[in-house]
Amino acid sequence: MERNIQVSRLDRQAVEDQSVEIVERKGIGHPDSICDGIAESVSRALSQLYLDRVGKVLHYNTDETQLVAGRAAPAYGGGEVVEPLYVLIVGRATKEYEGEQLPVDSTALAAAREYLAEAIPELEYGTDVVVDVRLGEGSGDLQDVFGEETQEVPMANDTSFGVGHAPLTETETIVYEAERALNTSYHEDHPELGPDVKIMGKREGDRIDITVAAAMVDRYVDDLGDYDDAVGDVREFVADLAAEHTDREIAVDVNTADDYEEGSIYLTVTGTSAEQGDDGSVGRGNRANGLITPNRPMSMEATSGKNPVNHIGKIYNLLSTRIAESVTDEIDGIRDLQVRLLSQIGRPIDEPHVADAQIVTEEGVELADIERDVVAIVDEELANVTDVTRSVIEGDASTF
């Protein structure tokens, strides 16, 4: 098969060499990330339901999930939620197949409950948060999109594109790793830190400034002194982590909107700003690689919640990132790489309208020296595109 794979020189400086770089990551407790997480959890559950009941994934999408913020009254030692958060799981799903009714809505609600219990443990399901589901039926021509048993490559559901890049810059790495570490290993020893951790990185020349917004959980904080210690601990942890990834000058600020004299601090009951007026939507936060990167091309598609079988908005964003990482892992001499995959509706998803790899090489490396190897890796990843579907359904691929 002859795929349309293009390799060219990227006509700009590598992001690592640009004078100003901006990178953001919204943590798992951010309202937008909550929506992404619920939508993707429901997506995986529906895929598994269909595979278990009928042997193939039927048509669905849950990528319109919304969160309406609640209201809380935090207090040292523990406050209360006054008005619960409201989550609406919205989309389309196949609810009947060959005369058999499928428990789509109950499956979606169970998946949402399980996800929230893991991601936002301080949020009590049914009292602090109310979850509703409104999944309509899809159009008839889309309901049967892919049979696992046929091993056929699906046809693209849309004319759309996905983008990916590699390697990560130092700033990107710090922003990503800091949030993940704060919400995993750090949180295990510091329960006062809630999961709503947003990190903004700015690099000017050789100085990296990291701004952290960290929601603190009130029942683990006795007074302002405790809160100040918690903020200081986060600052120190992030600074130490950043130093592991760069020799550049580092400055870390945490909860810069705090006003101790006025008693205005980032104290929450549940560990998320969604309890105090911050609404959320799928697709408004992190891109498929877990970052928001204005120095690079980005797709506006919401990756989370989309059908992982033939929905290009999901598959090509995940695949382009996988391709970029594979190329830079296997080929030396690449300073910066961006990959763009464009589909055409009705074409097999392993035959993109164009697969475009643009490269900044290291000094002394000519594009012609590596072009053949790049094409080979891109071609191989496209040939194995259905691996993306399987990894998503099995929960091995992160979408935000």
Protein backbone atom coordinates (compact mmCIF):
# COMPACT_ATOMS: atom_id res chain seq x y z
CA MET A 1 0.00 0.00 0.00
CA GLU A 2 1.33 3.43 -0.95
CA ARG A 3 0.36 5.94 1.75
CA ASN A 4 0.66 9.68 1.27
CA ILE A 5 3.46 10.40 3.75
CA GLN A 6 5.27 13.71 3.46
CA VAL A 7 8.47 14.68 5.28
CA SER A 8 9.79 18.23 5.22
CA ARG A 9 11.89 20.70 7.14
CA LEU A 10 9.93 22.66 9.76
CA ASP A 11 10.29 26.32 8.90
CA ARG A 12 10.75 27.68 12.41
CA GLN A 13 13.04 27.38 15.41
CA ALA A 14 12.60 24.40 17.67
CA VAL A 15 10.31 25.38 20.54
CA GLU A 16 13.15 24.72 23.00
CA ASP A 17 15.16 27.45 21.23
CA GLN A 18 12.41 30.07 20.99
CA SER A 19 12.69 33.08 23.29
CA VAL A 20 9.27 32.65 24.94
CA GLU A 21 7.38 29.43 25.64
CA ILE A 22 4.04 28.92 27.40
CA VAL A 23 2.73 25.55 28.62
CA GLU A 24 -0.32 24.64 30.71
CA ARG A 25 -1.79 21.52 32.28
CA LYS A 26 -5.13 21.27 34.03
CA GLY A 27 -5.01 18.59 36.73
CA ILE A 28 -7.50 15.76 37.09
CA GLY A 29 -9.62 17.74 39.57
CA HIS A 30 -10.07 20.77 37.32
CA PRO A 31 -13.72 21.10 36.18
CA ASP A 32 -12.78 20.65 32.51
CA SER A 33 -10.65 17.61 33.34
CA ILE A 34 -13.46 16.14 35.44
CA CYS A 35 -15.65 16.27 32.34
CA ASP A 36 -12.88 14.74 30.22
CA GLY A 37 -12.37 11.98 32.75
CA ILE A 38 -16.05 11.12 33.10
CA ALA A 39 -16.61 11.20 29.33
CA GLU A 40 -13.67 8.89 28.70
CA SER A 41 -14.63 6.55 31.54
CA VAL A 42 -18.15 6.26 30.12
CA SER A 43 -16.69 5.75 26.65
CA ARG A 44 -14.58 2.80 27.77
CA ALA A 45 -17.50 1.30 29.69
CA LEU A 46 -19.81 1.51 26.67
CA SER A 47 -17.18 -0.03 24.39
CA GLN A 48 -16.80 -2.93 26.82
CA LEU A 49 -20.57 -3.30 27.16
CA TYR A 50 -20.94 -3.60 23.39
CA LEU A 51 -18.04 -6.03 23.06
CA ASP A 52 -19.42 -8.22 25.86
CA ARG A 53 -23.01 -8.23 24.58
CA VAL A 54 -22.71 -8.21 20.79
CA GLY A 55 -19.02 -8.80 20.06
CA LYS A 56 -18.31 -5.44 18.49
CA VAL A 57 -18.28 -1.74 19.30
CA LEU A 58 -21.47 0.01 18.26
CA HIS A 59 -21.95 3.69 17.56
CA TYR A 60 -21.70 6.15 20.45
CA ASN A 61 -20.11 9.42 21.50
CA THR A 62 -20.08 10.97 24.99
CA ASP A 63 -17.88 13.97 24.24
CA GLU A 64 -20.43 16.67 25.13
CA THR A 65 -20.44 16.02 28.89
CA GLN A 66 -20.93 19.19 30.97
CA LEU A 67 -20.41 20.21 34.59
CA VAL A 68 -22.41 22.91 36.36
CA ALA A 69 -20.54 24.21 39.38
CA GLY A 70 -21.93 23.93 42.88
CA ARG A 71 -21.49 26.01 46.02
CA ALA A 72 -19.60 25.22 49.21
CA ALA A 73 -18.72 26.77 52.55
CA PRO A 74 -15.14 25.69 53.35
CA ALA A 75 -13.85 26.08 56.90
CA TYR A 76 -10.73 25.06 58.80
CA GLY A 77 -11.19 21.51 59.99
CA GLY A 78 -14.01 20.84 57.53
CA GLY A 79 -16.86 22.74 55.88
CA GLU A 80 -19.78 21.60 53.78
CA VAL A 81 -21.16 21.54 50.27
CA VAL A 82 -24.18 23.85 50.18
CA GLU A 83 -25.31 23.21 46.60
CA PRO A 84 -24.15 20.06 44.77
CA LEU A 85 -22.30 19.99 41.49
CA TYR A 86 -24.35 18.80 38.54
CA VAL A 87 -22.86 16.65 35.78
CA LEU A 88 -24.77 15.91 32.58
CA ILE A 89 -23.49 13.07 30.42
CA VAL A 90 -24.56 14.04 26.92
CA GLY A 91 -24.11 12.33 23.58
CA ARG A 92 -25.35 9.50 21.40
CA ALA A 93 -25.38 5.76 21.92
CA THR A 94 -26.87 2.60 20.46
CA LYS A 95 -29.41 1.31 22.98
CA GLU A 96 -30.84 -1.65 21.05
CA TYR A 97 -29.18 -4.21 18.82
CA GLU A 98 -31.00 -7.00 16.97
CA GLY A 99 -33.94 -6.74 19.32
CA GLU A 100 -31.88 -6.74 22.53
CA GLN A 101 -32.14 -3.75 24.84
CA LEU A 102 -28.73 -2.63 26.11
CA PRO A 103 -28.29 -0.99 29.56
CA VAL A 104 -26.53 2.06 28.19
CA ASP A 105 -27.69 4.69 30.69
CA SER A 106 -27.05 2.56 33.78
CA THR A 107 -23.62 1.61 32.42
CA ALA A 108 -22.79 5.30 31.94
CA LEU A 109 -23.90 6.22 35.46
CA ALA A 110 -21.91 3.39 37.01
CA ALA A 111 -18.79 4.41 35.09
CA ALA A 112 -19.16 8.03 36.19
CA ARG A 113 -19.62 7.02 39.83
CA GLU A 114 -16.55 4.79 39.74
CA TYR A 115 -14.41 7.47 38.09
CA LEU A 116 -15.41 10.22 40.54
CA ALA A 117 -14.76 7.96 43.52
CA GLU A 118 -11.19 7.44 42.30
CA ALA A 119 -10.37 10.91 40.97
CA ILE A 120 -12.21 13.17 43.47
CA PRO A 121 -12.51 11.06 46.65
CA GLU A 122 -13.71 13.98 48.81
CA LEU A 123 -16.73 14.43 46.54
CA GLU A 124 -19.62 12.32 47.85
CA TYR A 125 -21.63 10.87 44.98
CA GLY A 126 -25.33 11.67 45.13
CA THR A 127 -25.04 14.47 47.70
CA ASP A 128 -22.02 16.59 46.76
CA VAL A 129 -22.44 15.79 43.07
CA VAL A 130 -25.50 14.77 41.07
CA VAL A 131 -24.93 12.94 37.79
CA ASP A 132 -27.56 12.73 35.05
CA VAL A 133 -27.41 11.06 31.65
CA ARG A 134 -29.06 12.06 28.37
CA LEU A 135 -27.75 9.81 25.62
CA GLY A 136 -29.85 9.96 22.48
CA GLU A 137 -29.87 7.41 19.67
CA GLY A 138 -27.40 7.88 16.83
CA SER A 139 -28.36 7.98 13.16
CA GLY A 140 -28.96 4.57 11.63
CA ASP A 141 -26.09 4.69 9.14
CA LEU A 142 -23.56 5.19 11.99
CA GLN A 143 -24.78 2.69 14.56
CA ASP A 144 -22.77 -0.31 13.34
CA VAL A 145 -19.28 1.10 12.80
CA PHE A 146 -16.86 -1.71 13.42
CA GLY A 147 -16.83 -5.46 14.03
CA GLU A 148 -13.87 -6.69 16.04
CA GLU A 149 -14.25 -10.13 14.56
CA THR A 150 -13.82 -8.92 10.98
CA GLN A 151 -10.39 -7.34 11.55
CA GLU A 152 -11.34 -4.75 8.96
CA VAL A 153 -9.86 -1.26 9.11
CA PRO A 154 -12.73 1.18 9.74
CA MET A 155 -13.59 4.07 7.48
CA ALA A 156 -13.06 7.61 8.77
CA ASN A 157 -16.25 9.11 10.18
CA ASP A 158 -15.22 12.66 9.30
CA THR A 159 -12.85 14.83 7.32
CA SER A 160 -10.72 16.10 10.19
CA PHE A 161 -7.16 16.17 11.48
CA GLY A 162 -4.98 15.35 14.46
CA VAL A 163 -1.64 16.75 15.53
CA GLY A 164 1.21 15.57 17.71
CA HIS A 165 4.72 16.58 18.61
CA ALA A 166 7.92 15.32 20.23
CA PRO A 167 10.19 15.47 22.06
CA LEU A 168 8.75 17.46 24.94
CA THR A 169 10.67 20.56 25.92
CA GLU A 170 12.02 20.98 29.43
CA THR A 171 9.14 23.30 30.28
CA GLU A 172 6.55 20.88 28.91
CA THR A 173 8.11 18.02 30.84
CA ILE A 174 8.15 19.98 34.10
CA VAL A 175 4.53 21.09 33.78
CA TYR A 176 3.30 17.59 32.95
CA GLU A 177 5.38 15.71 35.49
CA ALA A 178 4.71 18.18 38.31
CA GLU A 179 0.93 17.81 38.10
CA ARG A 180 1.10 14.03 37.83
CA ALA A 181 3.47 13.78 40.78
CA LEU A 182 1.41 16.13 42.92
CA ASN A 183 -1.71 14.07 42.26
CA THR A 184 -0.04 10.71 42.90
CA SER A 185 3.04 10.23 45.07
CA TYR A 186 2.87 13.66 46.73
CA HIS A 187 -0.84 13.38 47.53
CA GLU A 188 -0.31 10.04 49.28
CA ASP A 189 1.65 11.83 52.00
CA HIS A 190 -0.22 15.14 51.79
CA PRO A 191 -3.99 14.56 51.81
CA GLU A 192 -4.56 18.29 52.26
CA LEU A 193 -3.76 18.78 48.57
CA GLY A 194 -6.88 18.36 46.43
CA PRO A 195 -6.81 17.00 42.87
CA ASP A 196 -7.59 20.39 41.30
CA VAL A 197 -4.00 21.35 40.52
CA LYS A 198 -3.44 23.64 37.54
CA ILE A 199 0.10 24.42 36.42
CA MET A 200 1.22 27.15 34.05
CA GLY A 201 4.77 27.23 32.81
CA LYS A 202 6.43 30.23 31.19
CA ARG A 203 9.97 30.23 29.89
CA GLU A 204 11.71 33.44 28.89
CA GLY A 205 15.18 32.69 27.62
CA ASP A 206 16.81 30.55 30.30
CA ARG A 207 14.38 31.29 33.13
CA ILE A 208 11.34 29.10 33.78
CA ASP A 209 8.51 30.43 35.93
CA ILE A 210 6.01 27.88 37.23
CA THR A 211 2.66 29.08 38.60
CA VAL A 212 0.65 26.50 40.54
CA ALA A 213 -2.99 26.78 41.55
CA ALA A 214 -3.48 24.12 44.23
CA ALA A 215 -6.86 23.54 45.89
CA MET A 216 -6.45 22.62 49.56
CA VAL A 217 -8.97 20.37 51.34
CA ASP A 218 -10.27 22.09 54.47
CA ARG A 219 -10.70 19.08 56.75
CA TYR A 220 -6.95 18.49 56.66
CA VAL A 221 -6.10 22.15 57.43
CA ASP A 222 -6.51 23.41 61.02
CA ASP A 223 -5.64 27.06 60.58
CA LEU A 224 -3.88 29.64 58.40
CA GLY A 225 -0.50 28.43 59.59
CA ASP A 226 -1.31 24.92 58.39
CA TYR A 227 -2.47 26.31 55.08
CA ASP A 228 0.69 28.37 54.65
CA ASP A 229 2.81 25.29 55.40
CA ALA A 230 0.87 23.30 52.80
CA VAL A 231 1.45 25.97 50.17
CA GLY A 232 5.15 26.08 51.04
CA ASP A 233 5.45 22.29 50.78
CA VAL A 234 3.94 22.33 47.28
CA ARG A 235 6.29 25.11 46.23
CA GLU A 236 9.35 23.23 47.48
CA PHE A 237 8.25 19.96 45.89
CA VAL A 238 7.68 21.50 42.46
CA ALA A 239 10.97 23.40 42.59
CA ASP A 240 12.87 20.20 43.41
CA LEU A 241 11.09 18.28 40.66
CA ALA A 242 11.80 21.03 38.12
CA ALA A 243 15.49 20.99 38.99
CA GLU A 244 15.61 17.33 37.97
CA HIS A 245 14.62 18.26 34.42
CA THR A 246 16.54 21.45 33.71
CA ASP A 247 19.65 23.45 34.53
CA ARG A 248 17.80 26.67 33.80
CA GLU A 249 16.83 29.15 36.51
CA ILE A 250 13.54 28.11 38.16
CA ALA A 251 10.98 30.16 40.07
CA VAL A 252 7.81 28.62 41.54
CA ASP A 253 4.74 30.48 42.81
CA VAL A 254 1.74 28.79 44.43
CA ASN A 255 -1.78 30.20 44.87
CA THR A 256 -0.81 33.73 43.92
CA ALA A 257 -4.37 35.04 44.38
CA ASP A 258 -4.26 34.38 48.14
CA ASP A 259 -4.69 37.38 50.43
CA TYR A 260 -3.86 36.32 53.98
CA GLU A 261 -4.84 39.66 55.50
CA GLU A 262 -8.31 39.42 53.98
CA GLY A 263 -8.58 35.72 54.75
CA SER A 264 -9.00 34.92 51.06
CA ILE A 265 -7.26 31.61 50.36
CA TYR A 266 -7.72 28.61 48.07
CA LEU A 267 -9.46 26.42 50.65
CA THR A 268 -12.09 23.93 49.45
CA VAL A 269 -14.34 21.23 50.87
CA THR A 270 -13.93 18.76 48.02
CA GLY A 271 -10.56 19.64 46.48
CA THR A 272 -11.96 21.16 43.29
CA SER A 273 -12.88 24.67 42.21
CA ALA A 274 -16.06 23.16 40.74
CA GLU A 275 -17.61 23.62 44.19
CA GLN A 276 -17.25 27.39 43.92
CA GLY A 277 -18.57 28.49 40.55
CA ASP A 278 -16.15 26.98 38.03
CA ASP A 279 -18.09 25.11 35.33
CA GLY A 280 -16.55 22.51 33.03
CA SER A 281 -16.84 21.04 29.55
CA VAL A 282 -15.18 18.23 27.62
CA GLY A 283 -12.44 19.44 25.30
CA ARG A 284 -11.73 22.81 26.92
CA GLY A 285 -8.64 21.60 28.72
CA ASN A 286 -5.63 19.45 27.96
CA ARG A 287 -5.04 18.14 24.46
CA ALA A 288 -4.50 14.45 23.78
CA ASN A 289 -0.91 14.54 25.06
CA GLY A 290 -1.99 16.03 28.41
CA LEU A 291 -0.80 19.57 27.74
CA ILE A 292 -1.97 22.90 26.36
CA THR A 293 0.84 24.23 24.16
CA PRO A 294 0.25 27.55 22.35
CA ASN A 295 3.76 27.39 20.85
CA ARG A 296 2.68 24.40 18.79
CA PRO A 297 -0.18 23.48 16.45
CA MET A 298 -3.17 22.07 18.33
CA SER A 299 -6.42 20.46 17.29
CA MET A 300 -9.68 21.87 18.65
CA GLU A 301 -11.20 18.39 18.76
CA ALA A 302 -12.28 16.99 22.12
CA THR A 303 -10.45 13.66 22.34
CA SER A 304 -12.17 12.31 25.45
CA GLY A 305 -15.50 10.53 25.04
CA LYS A 306 -15.34 10.06 21.30
CA ASN A 307 -15.82 6.61 19.82
CA PRO A 308 -12.33 5.03 19.62
CA VAL A 309 -13.11 2.98 16.52
CA ASN A 310 -13.49 5.42 13.65
CA HIS A 311 -13.75 8.91 15.17
CA ILE A 312 -10.81 10.78 13.70
CA GLY A 313 -10.99 13.52 16.36
CA LYS A 314 -9.83 10.90 18.83
CA ILE A 315 -7.79 8.42 16.83
CA TYR A 316 -5.63 10.82 14.84
CA ASN A 317 -4.76 13.02 17.82
CA LEU A 318 -3.62 9.96 19.78
CA LEU A 319 -1.92 8.39 16.77
CA SER A 320 -0.06 11.54 15.70
CA THR A 321 1.35 11.84 19.21
CA ARG A 322 2.33 8.17 19.19
CA ILE A 323 4.02 8.60 15.80
CA ALA A 324 5.98 11.65 16.95
CA GLU A 325 7.18 9.84 20.06
CA SER A 326 8.14 6.72 18.11
CA VAL A 327 10.12 8.70 15.54
CA THR A 328 12.08 10.70 18.12
CA ASP A 329 12.69 7.61 20.27
CA GLU A 330 14.08 5.58 17.38
CA ILE A 331 15.89 8.19 15.28
CA ASP A 332 18.74 10.34 16.57
CA GLY A 333 19.31 13.91 15.47
CA ILE A 334 15.78 15.31 15.72
CA ARG A 335 15.48 18.56 17.65
CA ASP A 336 11.75 19.10 17.09
CA LEU A 337 9.06 17.16 15.25
CA GLN A 338 5.40 17.85 14.57
CA VAL A 339 3.05 15.38 12.92
CA ARG A 340 -0.24 16.23 11.21
CA LEU A 341 -2.68 13.56 10.07
CA LEU A 342 -5.62 14.52 7.86
CA SER A 343 -8.49 12.15 7.15
CA GLN A 344 -11.09 12.14 4.40
CA ILE A 345 -14.51 10.84 5.32
CA GLY A 346 -15.13 7.36 3.95
CA ARG A 347 -11.44 6.48 3.50
CA PRO A 348 -9.84 3.74 5.64
CA ILE A 349 -8.31 5.29 8.74
CA ASP A 350 -4.92 3.71 7.94
CA GLU A 351 -4.85 5.69 4.67
CA PRO A 352 -4.90 9.36 5.67
CA HIS A 353 -5.44 12.02 3.06
CA VAL A 354 -1.96 13.12 4.11
CA ALA A 355 0.47 12.22 6.88
CA ASP A 356 2.80 15.19 7.28
CA ALA A 357 5.96 15.06 9.39
CA GLN A 358 7.85 18.35 9.78
CA ILE A 359 11.26 18.28 11.39
CA VAL A 360 13.93 20.50 12.90
CA THR A 361 17.16 18.51 12.89
CA GLU A 362 20.09 18.80 15.24
CA GLU A 363 23.13 20.67 13.98
CA GLY A 364 25.06 18.53 11.54
CA VAL A 365 22.13 16.27 10.69
CA GLU A 366 20.62 16.54 7.22
CA LEU A 367 16.94 15.80 6.66
CA ALA A 368 17.85 13.56 3.73
CA ASP A 369 19.87 11.34 6.12
CA ILE A 370 16.81 10.38 8.17
CA GLU A 371 13.87 10.87 5.81
CA ARG A 372 13.60 7.23 4.73
CA ASP A 373 13.59 6.04 8.36
CA VAL A 374 10.94 8.58 9.30
CA VAL A 375 8.67 7.44 6.48
CA ALA A 376 9.10 3.81 7.52
CA ILE A 377 8.06 4.49 11.12
CA VAL A 378 5.08 6.61 10.08
CA ASP A 379 3.98 3.89 7.66
CA GLU A 380 4.28 1.18 10.31
CA GLU A 381 2.29 3.17 12.89
CA LEU A 382 -0.46 3.83 10.34
CA ALA A 383 -0.61 0.15 9.46
CA ASN A 384 -1.21 -0.61 13.14
CA VAL A 385 -3.75 2.16 13.71
CA THR A 386 -6.31 -0.21 15.23
CA ASP A 387 -3.89 -0.71 18.15
CA VAL A 388 -4.96 2.77 19.24
CA THR A 389 -8.57 1.60 19.48
CA ARG A 390 -7.64 -1.39 21.61
CA SER A 391 -5.38 0.58 23.93
CA VAL A 392 -8.14 3.15 24.49
CA ILE A 393 -10.78 0.54 25.28
CA GLU A 394 -8.40 -1.23 27.66
CA GLY A 395 -7.61 2.03 29.44
CA ASP A 396 -3.95 2.08 28.47
CA ALA A 397 -4.12 5.39 26.55
CA SER A 398 -4.63 8.73 28.25
CA THR A 399 -6.77 11.24 26.35
CA PHE A 400 -6.17 14.33 28.49
